[in-house]
């Protein structure tokens, strides 16, 4: 989705249409809805009703309150009316208390301590990734899409020659109608991705071994459970971090004075990254299922109802972010919902921050300046605020 500075016009925007995000900008509609209809009843293309929440307060509440708003039926718009069969079996699709052991295991491999231990190695991989980024025109997206695999590939013992295919099919699972990634059907993308990640089951991989030894709801984990959690980890990383990186470069190209300030003082990079996550909000919406009757934003939701927290709208809420349509590094890092909130706060947040920061550090150290060579192409997806191609002109 396009995310230009300034409040865009309030044009009709179908929030349930993936194609709308490839060419449009929903922020004008979201701005109006936060003021006039902060929780409203919507319908999927097949007619299934669901609630949409647009304010920061309501979205944060939905994400925090796992007792009332459950993840086990699915977390994306496509889940509405068709509960996810992996419900309760992965860290993303489990509620407390079943969620806790899966979360603890994931954090052991991806949390702050694990990332600190791998920081120098990951920075070196980022250095190699951009080593051939020389003056001239380059579509940066193939490189940016590789960023998460610099951490996840070695973590899961996945062969480097498979990384590009893994990323392609991961994005295809989330955006199966996008022309760039519509490789057959959604089932085809799922099958290809599962085939590739089965490698981790046969290499003595520590993450997979720990998952296999973990009891799930009082029973031993199966190979299917392990695969589902590896799949979830790969989807989570590969469909988010590259697009924050892309939107960051897009903003820096549009605000060359900001890039010069970063080059002059690289200590600002962490603030730049944090504002990049707020600005891009790579996961635009997160779906939950209501477990008990509850009032939300003046509306009465019933047990069994579906509700979408439009996190991208929440991250432009004027009640929380002064001048929200301006890209301003240095805002309070804890305010945005770009990494989620509560029990399901992104397990890979620290790895994402490291990868994004290392990318910017490398561009600074290489003395590169950049501008857009062509308009970027945006992803057709109701879930991910993504960019598919972005040719940039680099110079020194």
Protein backbone atom coordinates (compact mmCIF):
# COMPACT_ATOMS: atom_id res chain seq x y z
CA UNK A 1 0.00 0.00 0.00
CA UNK A 2 1.17 3.51 -0.77
CA UNK A 3 2.21 5.44 2.33
CA UNK A 4 3.09 8.95 1.23
CA UNK A 5 3.58 11.72 3.81
CA UNK A 6 0.54 13.85 4.52
CA UNK A 7 -3.08 12.83 4.94
CA UNK A 8 -4.29 11.32 1.64
CA UNK A 9 -7.74 12.06 0.20
CA UNK A 10 -10.65 10.08 1.60
CA UNK A 11 -11.51 8.01 -1.45
CA UNK A 12 -13.65 4.85 -1.47
CA UNK A 13 -11.46 1.93 -0.42
CA UNK A 14 -12.50 -1.72 -0.15
CA UNK A 15 -10.54 -2.99 2.85
CA UNK A 16 -11.26 -6.63 1.91
CA UNK A 17 -9.94 -6.34 -1.67
CA UNK A 18 -6.23 -7.27 -1.98
CA UNK A 19 -5.92 -5.43 -5.30
CA UNK A 20 -6.92 -2.13 -3.68
CA UNK A 21 -3.67 -2.14 -1.69
CA UNK A 22 -1.55 -2.44 -4.83
CA UNK A 23 -2.65 0.94 -6.16
CA UNK A 24 -4.34 2.84 -3.34
CA UNK A 25 -3.86 4.29 0.12
CA UNK A 26 -6.39 3.43 2.83
CA UNK A 27 -5.16 6.07 5.28
CA UNK A 28 -7.69 8.67 4.15
CA UNK A 29 -10.53 6.22 4.86
CA UNK A 30 -8.98 5.10 8.14
CA UNK A 31 -8.66 8.70 9.31
CA UNK A 32 -12.39 9.26 8.75
CA UNK A 33 -13.36 5.93 10.32
CA UNK A 34 -11.37 6.62 13.50
CA UNK A 35 -13.45 9.78 13.91
CA UNK A 36 -16.88 8.60 12.79
CA UNK A 37 -17.10 4.80 12.97
CA UNK A 38 -14.19 3.47 15.08
CA UNK A 39 -15.69 -0.03 15.32
CA UNK A 40 -17.92 -1.02 12.42
CA UNK A 41 -19.46 -4.16 10.96
CA UNK A 42 -17.92 -5.29 7.66
CA UNK A 43 -18.31 -8.34 5.44
CA UNK A 44 -15.84 -10.52 3.60
CA UNK A 45 -16.23 -10.93 -0.18
CA UNK A 46 -18.15 -14.15 0.55
CA UNK A 47 -20.52 -12.32 2.90
CA UNK A 48 -19.22 -13.41 6.32
CA UNK A 49 -19.66 -10.58 8.86
CA UNK A 50 -16.77 -9.31 10.97
CA UNK A 51 -16.01 -6.24 13.04
CA UNK A 52 -13.27 -3.77 12.14
CA UNK A 53 -11.51 -1.67 14.80
CA UNK A 54 -9.50 1.37 13.73
CA UNK A 55 -8.29 3.30 16.79
CA UNK A 56 -5.06 2.69 18.68
CA UNK A 57 -6.96 2.19 21.94
CA UNK A 58 -9.27 -0.49 20.56
CA UNK A 59 -6.59 -2.26 18.51
CA UNK A 60 -4.21 -2.38 21.48
CA UNK A 61 -7.00 -3.78 23.65
CA UNK A 62 -7.78 -6.51 21.12
CA UNK A 63 -4.12 -7.55 20.93
CA UNK A 64 -3.57 -7.47 24.71
CA UNK A 65 -6.73 -9.21 25.91
CA UNK A 66 -6.16 -12.81 24.86
CA UNK A 67 -8.95 -14.03 27.15
CA UNK A 68 -11.59 -12.13 25.18
CA UNK A 69 -9.97 -11.99 21.75
CA UNK A 70 -8.61 -15.39 20.69
CA UNK A 71 -5.99 -16.19 18.05
CA UNK A 72 -6.80 -19.89 17.72
CA UNK A 73 -9.25 -19.53 14.81
CA UNK A 74 -6.83 -17.53 12.66
CA UNK A 75 -5.15 -14.14 12.51
CA UNK A 76 -5.66 -12.92 8.91
CA UNK A 77 -8.76 -11.80 7.01
CA UNK A 78 -8.78 -15.00 4.96
CA UNK A 79 -9.38 -16.92 8.20
CA UNK A 80 -12.76 -15.27 8.74
CA UNK A 81 -15.43 -17.90 8.26
CA UNK A 82 -12.79 -20.62 7.73
CA UNK A 83 -10.96 -21.26 11.01
CA UNK A 84 -7.29 -22.14 10.59
CA UNK A 85 -6.72 -25.92 10.99
CA UNK A 86 -3.42 -25.16 12.77
CA UNK A 87 -5.28 -23.41 15.58
CA UNK A 88 -3.72 -24.13 18.98
CA UNK A 89 -0.66 -25.80 17.43
CA UNK A 90 1.65 -22.84 16.69
CA UNK A 91 2.97 -19.88 18.66
CA UNK A 92 0.90 -17.51 16.48
CA UNK A 93 -2.34 -19.51 16.70
CA UNK A 94 -2.31 -20.45 20.39
CA UNK A 95 -3.77 -18.61 23.38
CA UNK A 96 -2.43 -18.69 26.94
CA UNK A 97 -1.75 -20.96 28.72
CA UNK A 98 -0.97 -23.23 25.72
CA UNK A 99 0.87 -20.31 24.12
CA UNK A 100 3.42 -19.89 26.93
CA UNK A 101 5.72 -22.90 26.31
CA UNK A 102 5.73 -22.28 22.54
CA UNK A 103 6.55 -18.63 23.15
CA UNK A 104 9.34 -19.46 25.62
CA UNK A 105 10.91 -21.91 23.18
CA UNK A 106 10.72 -19.45 20.29
CA UNK A 107 12.24 -16.67 22.40
CA UNK A 108 15.09 -18.98 23.39
CA UNK A 109 16.09 -19.12 19.72
CA UNK A 110 14.95 -15.68 18.48
CA UNK A 111 14.74 -13.46 21.55
CA UNK A 112 17.11 -10.65 22.61
CA UNK A 113 19.74 -12.90 24.21
CA UNK A 114 19.91 -15.19 21.16
CA UNK A 115 20.13 -12.21 18.81
CA UNK A 116 22.90 -10.57 20.84
CA UNK A 117 24.90 -13.77 20.57
CA UNK A 118 24.57 -13.76 16.78
CA UNK A 119 24.78 -10.00 16.19
CA UNK A 120 28.29 -9.86 14.71
CA UNK A 121 27.61 -12.84 12.45
CA UNK A 122 24.34 -11.35 11.20
CA UNK A 123 25.99 -7.99 10.53
CA UNK A 124 28.65 -9.74 8.48
CA UNK A 125 25.94 -11.49 6.44
CA UNK A 126 24.25 -8.12 5.79
CA UNK A 127 27.64 -6.73 4.72
CA UNK A 128 28.00 -9.53 2.16
CA UNK A 129 24.41 -9.07 0.99
CA UNK A 130 24.99 -5.47 -0.11
CA UNK A 131 28.66 -5.79 -1.10
CA UNK A 132 27.83 -5.60 -4.81
CA UNK A 133 25.49 -2.64 -4.45
CA UNK A 134 27.49 -0.24 -6.63
CA UNK A 135 26.58 3.09 -8.25
CA UNK A 136 23.88 2.57 -10.86
CA UNK A 137 20.25 1.43 -10.95
CA UNK A 138 19.25 -1.65 -8.96
CA UNK A 139 15.89 -3.16 -8.05
CA UNK A 140 16.53 -3.45 -4.31
CA UNK A 141 13.69 -5.84 -3.53
CA UNK A 142 15.51 -9.13 -4.31
CA UNK A 143 18.17 -8.16 -1.76
CA UNK A 144 15.71 -6.84 0.81
CA UNK A 145 13.64 -10.03 0.57
CA UNK A 146 16.75 -11.96 1.60
CA UNK A 147 17.24 -10.00 4.83
CA UNK A 148 15.21 -12.25 7.19
CA UNK A 149 16.86 -15.40 5.84
CA UNK A 150 20.23 -14.07 7.01
CA UNK A 151 18.96 -14.85 10.50
CA UNK A 152 16.36 -17.56 9.87
CA UNK A 153 18.23 -19.62 7.27
CA UNK A 154 21.14 -20.59 9.55
CA UNK A 155 18.81 -20.84 12.57
CA UNK A 156 16.78 -23.53 10.78
CA UNK A 157 19.71 -25.10 8.86
CA UNK A 158 18.02 -24.30 5.55
CA UNK A 159 20.36 -24.51 2.52
CA UNK A 160 21.16 -21.09 1.09
CA UNK A 161 20.31 -22.25 -2.42
CA UNK A 162 16.70 -22.69 -1.23
CA UNK A 163 16.32 -19.27 0.38
CA UNK A 164 14.93 -17.40 -2.61
CA UNK A 165 12.34 -20.10 -3.26
CA UNK A 166 11.38 -20.16 0.42
CA UNK A 167 10.82 -16.42 0.42
CA UNK A 168 8.84 -16.52 -2.83
CA UNK A 169 6.46 -19.19 -1.57
CA UNK A 170 6.16 -17.55 1.88
CA UNK A 171 4.95 -14.32 0.27
CA UNK A 172 2.73 -16.34 -2.07
CA UNK A 173 1.02 -17.88 0.95
CA UNK A 174 0.09 -14.42 2.26
CA UNK A 175 -0.55 -12.72 -1.09
CA UNK A 176 -1.68 -15.52 -3.43
CA UNK A 177 -3.42 -13.12 -5.85
CA UNK A 178 -0.45 -10.79 -6.37
CA UNK A 179 0.86 -11.13 -9.96
CA UNK A 180 4.47 -11.29 -8.77
CA UNK A 181 3.85 -14.24 -6.44
CA UNK A 182 0.74 -15.96 -7.83
CA UNK A 183 2.60 -19.18 -8.59
CA UNK A 184 -0.32 -21.54 -9.05
CA UNK A 185 -2.74 -21.82 -6.16
CA UNK A 186 -2.44 -21.04 -2.47
CA UNK A 187 -2.27 -24.80 -1.85
CA UNK A 188 0.63 -24.99 -4.31
CA UNK A 189 2.56 -22.35 -2.36
CA UNK A 190 1.85 -24.13 0.92
CA UNK A 191 3.00 -27.47 -0.49
CA UNK A 192 6.21 -26.00 -1.91
CA UNK A 193 7.04 -24.21 1.33
CA UNK A 194 6.42 -27.28 3.48
CA UNK A 195 8.56 -29.36 1.13
CA UNK A 196 11.47 -26.93 1.50
CA UNK A 197 11.30 -26.60 5.29
CA UNK A 198 11.19 -30.36 5.85
CA UNK A 199 14.98 -30.08 5.46
CA UNK A 200 15.15 -28.78 9.03
CA UNK A 201 13.61 -32.01 10.33
CA UNK A 202 16.48 -34.10 8.98
CA UNK A 203 19.54 -32.03 9.88
CA UNK A 204 19.56 -32.30 13.66
CA UNK A 205 18.35 -28.70 13.79
CA UNK A 206 18.19 -27.47 17.39
CA UNK A 207 15.03 -25.38 16.95
CA UNK A 208 13.18 -28.28 15.33
CA UNK A 209 14.48 -30.70 17.98
CA UNK A 210 13.29 -28.43 20.80
CA UNK A 211 9.88 -28.16 19.16
CA UNK A 212 9.67 -31.93 18.83
CA UNK A 213 10.34 -32.38 22.56
CA UNK A 214 7.67 -29.85 23.58
CA UNK A 215 4.34 -31.18 24.88
CA UNK A 216 1.37 -29.49 23.18
CA UNK A 217 -1.89 -29.47 25.12
CA UNK A 218 -0.76 -32.49 27.12
CA UNK A 219 0.39 -34.60 24.16
CA UNK A 220 3.76 -35.06 22.45
CA UNK A 221 4.42 -32.77 19.50
CA UNK A 222 4.15 -34.47 16.12
CA UNK A 223 6.25 -33.86 13.02
CA UNK A 224 3.27 -31.93 11.68
CA UNK A 225 3.35 -29.65 14.73
CA UNK A 226 7.05 -29.00 14.18
CA UNK A 227 6.50 -28.21 10.50
CA UNK A 228 3.63 -25.85 11.30
CA UNK A 229 5.78 -23.90 13.76
CA UNK A 230 8.72 -23.70 11.35
CA UNK A 231 6.26 -22.53 8.68
CA UNK A 232 4.87 -19.89 11.05
CA UNK A 233 8.36 -18.62 11.87
CA UNK A 234 9.31 -18.32 8.20
CA UNK A 235 6.06 -16.61 7.24
CA UNK A 236 6.35 -14.13 10.10
CA UNK A 237 9.88 -13.03 9.24
CA UNK A 238 9.84 -13.15 5.46
CA UNK A 239 6.62 -11.23 4.91
CA UNK A 240 7.39 -8.29 7.21
CA UNK A 241 11.01 -7.17 7.67
CA UNK A 242 11.82 -6.75 3.94
CA UNK A 243 8.90 -4.38 3.53
CA UNK A 244 9.87 -2.22 6.48
CA UNK A 245 13.30 -1.98 4.83
CA UNK A 246 11.70 -0.99 1.51
CA UNK A 247 9.51 1.69 3.05
CA UNK A 248 12.51 3.00 4.99
CA UNK A 249 14.55 3.40 1.81
CA UNK A 250 11.56 4.98 0.11
CA UNK A 251 11.27 7.59 2.87
CA UNK A 252 15.01 8.28 2.87
CA UNK A 253 14.99 8.71 -0.90
CA UNK A 254 12.11 11.16 -0.56
CA UNK A 255 13.75 13.01 2.34
CA UNK A 256 17.44 13.33 1.36
CA UNK A 257 18.04 15.79 4.19
CA UNK A 258 17.11 13.04 6.65
CA UNK A 259 19.55 10.64 4.98
CA UNK A 260 22.31 13.24 5.26
CA UNK A 261 21.49 13.65 8.96
CA UNK A 262 21.72 9.87 9.46
CA UNK A 263 25.03 9.73 7.60
CA UNK A 264 26.36 12.51 9.82
CA UNK A 265 25.11 10.86 13.02
CA UNK A 266 24.53 7.09 12.74
CA UNK A 267 23.49 6.94 16.41
CA UNK A 268 20.05 7.97 15.09
CA UNK A 269 19.65 4.64 13.27
CA UNK A 270 17.68 2.86 16.05
CA UNK A 271 15.15 5.71 16.11
CA UNK A 272 14.97 5.61 12.31
CA UNK A 273 14.24 1.88 12.36
CA UNK A 274 11.53 2.24 15.01
CA UNK A 275 9.77 4.98 13.06
CA UNK A 276 10.11 2.82 9.96
CA UNK A 277 8.16 0.04 11.68
CA UNK A 278 5.40 2.48 12.69
CA UNK A 279 5.30 4.06 9.25
CA UNK A 280 5.24 0.84 7.23
CA UNK A 281 3.24 -1.28 9.71
CA UNK A 282 4.05 -4.35 7.61
CA UNK A 283 1.17 -6.36 9.08
CA UNK A 284 -1.79 -4.12 8.30
CA UNK A 285 -4.44 -6.06 10.20
CA UNK A 286 -4.64 -8.81 12.80
CA UNK A 287 -7.77 -10.91 13.24
CA UNK A 288 -9.15 -12.37 16.46
CA UNK A 289 -12.30 -14.29 17.47
CA UNK A 290 -14.44 -13.08 20.35
CA UNK A 291 -14.77 -15.62 23.18
CA UNK A 292 -17.38 -13.83 25.31
CA UNK A 293 -19.83 -10.97 24.82
CA UNK A 294 -17.96 -7.67 25.09
CA UNK A 295 -18.35 -3.95 24.38
CA UNK A 296 -15.74 -2.45 22.09
CA UNK A 297 -15.75 1.14 20.87
CA UNK A 298 -19.43 1.53 21.72
CA UNK A 299 -20.43 -1.63 19.86
CA UNK A 300 -21.68 -4.89 21.32
CA UNK A 301 -19.68 -7.90 20.08
CA UNK A 302 -20.97 -11.42 20.71
CA UNK A 303 -19.08 -14.62 21.46
CA UNK A 304 -18.05 -16.20 18.18
CA UNK A 305 -17.82 -12.90 16.29
CA UNK A 306 -14.72 -12.14 14.25
CA UNK A 307 -12.87 -8.84 14.70
CA UNK A 308 -10.02 -7.28 12.70
CA UNK A 309 -7.66 -4.88 14.46
CA UNK A 310 -6.47 -2.51 11.71
CA UNK A 311 -3.02 -1.92 13.15
CA UNK A 312 -1.96 0.27 10.22
CA UNK A 313 -4.78 2.66 11.11
CA UNK A 314 -3.87 2.54 14.81
CA UNK A 315 -0.31 3.59 13.99
CA UNK A 316 -1.63 6.84 12.46
CA UNK A 317 -3.99 7.62 15.35
CA UNK A 318 -3.75 11.33 16.18
CA UNK A 319 -4.68 10.58 19.80
CA UNK A 320 -1.31 8.83 20.23
CA UNK A 321 1.01 10.19 17.52
CA UNK A 322 1.31 13.96 17.02
CA UNK A 323 1.43 14.83 13.31
CA UNK A 324 1.06 11.10 12.46
CA UNK A 325 1.36 11.53 8.68
CA UNK A 326 4.88 12.88 9.02
CA UNK A 327 7.85 10.49 9.10
CA UNK A 328 9.57 11.57 12.33
CA UNK A 329 12.30 9.40 13.91
CA UNK A 330 12.55 9.81 17.67
CA UNK A 331 8.95 9.07 18.65
CA UNK A 332 8.46 6.92 21.79
CA UNK A 333 9.30 3.37 20.67
CA UNK A 334 6.74 1.72 22.94
CA UNK A 335 3.76 3.54 21.40
CA UNK A 336 3.42 1.91 17.97
CA UNK A 337 1.77 -1.45 17.36
CA UNK A 338 4.00 -2.44 14.44
CA UNK A 339 5.35 -5.41 16.42
CA UNK A 340 1.99 -6.14 18.02
CA UNK A 341 1.22 -5.96 21.71
CA UNK A 342 0.83 -8.34 24.64
CA UNK A 343 1.43 -12.10 24.61
CA UNK A 344 1.77 -12.17 20.82
CA UNK A 345 4.29 -9.32 20.60
CA UNK A 346 6.57 -10.23 17.69
CA UNK A 347 9.07 -12.87 18.82
CA UNK A 348 11.46 -11.78 16.07
CA UNK A 349 11.32 -8.05 16.87
CA UNK A 350 14.91 -7.90 18.08
CA UNK A 351 16.18 -9.79 15.04
CA UNK A 352 14.21 -7.44 12.77
CA UNK A 353 15.67 -4.37 14.48
CA UNK A 354 19.18 -5.78 14.11
CA UNK A 355 18.73 -6.62 10.41
CA UNK A 356 17.19 -3.25 9.57
CA UNK A 357 19.78 -1.34 11.56
CA UNK A 358 22.64 -3.31 9.99
CA UNK A 359 21.29 -2.57 6.51
CA UNK A 360 21.23 1.18 7.15
CA UNK A 361 24.68 1.03 8.78
CA UNK A 362 26.08 -0.67 5.67
CA UNK A 363 24.63 1.96 3.35
CA UNK A 364 26.14 4.68 5.55
CA UNK A 365 29.56 3.00 5.63
CA UNK A 366 29.54 2.53 1.87
CA UNK A 367 28.95 6.25 1.39
CA UNK A 368 25.92 5.65 -0.81
CA UNK A 369 23.21 8.12 -1.72
CA UNK A 370 20.07 6.96 -3.49
CA UNK A 371 16.89 8.07 -5.20
CA UNK A 372 13.96 6.37 -6.88
CA UNK A 373 14.64 5.36 -10.47
CA UNK A 374 11.05 4.19 -11.06
CA UNK A 375 7.86 4.17 -9.03
CA UNK A 376 7.69 1.10 -6.77
CA UNK A 377 5.12 -1.62 -7.35
CA UNK A 378 3.04 -2.52 -4.31
CA UNK A 379 1.83 -5.92 -3.10
CA UNK A 380 -1.79 -7.03 -3.56
CA UNK A 381 -2.55 -8.10 0.00
CA UNK A 382 -4.98 -7.30 2.79
CA UNK A 383 -2.40 -8.56 5.27
CA UNK A 384 1.04 -7.25 4.32
CA UNK A 385 1.94 -3.67 3.39
CA UNK A 386 4.50 -4.83 0.85
CA UNK A 387 6.51 -3.66 -2.12
CA UNK A 388 7.31 -6.07 -4.97
CA UNK A 389 9.74 -4.04 -7.11
CA UNK A 390 11.60 -0.81 -6.34
CA UNK A 391 14.36 0.27 -8.77
CA UNK A 392 16.68 2.79 -7.11
CA UNK A 393 19.57 4.84 -8.43
CA UNK A 394 22.69 4.70 -6.24
CA UNK A 395 25.61 7.10 -6.35
CA UNK A 396 28.42 8.38 -4.13
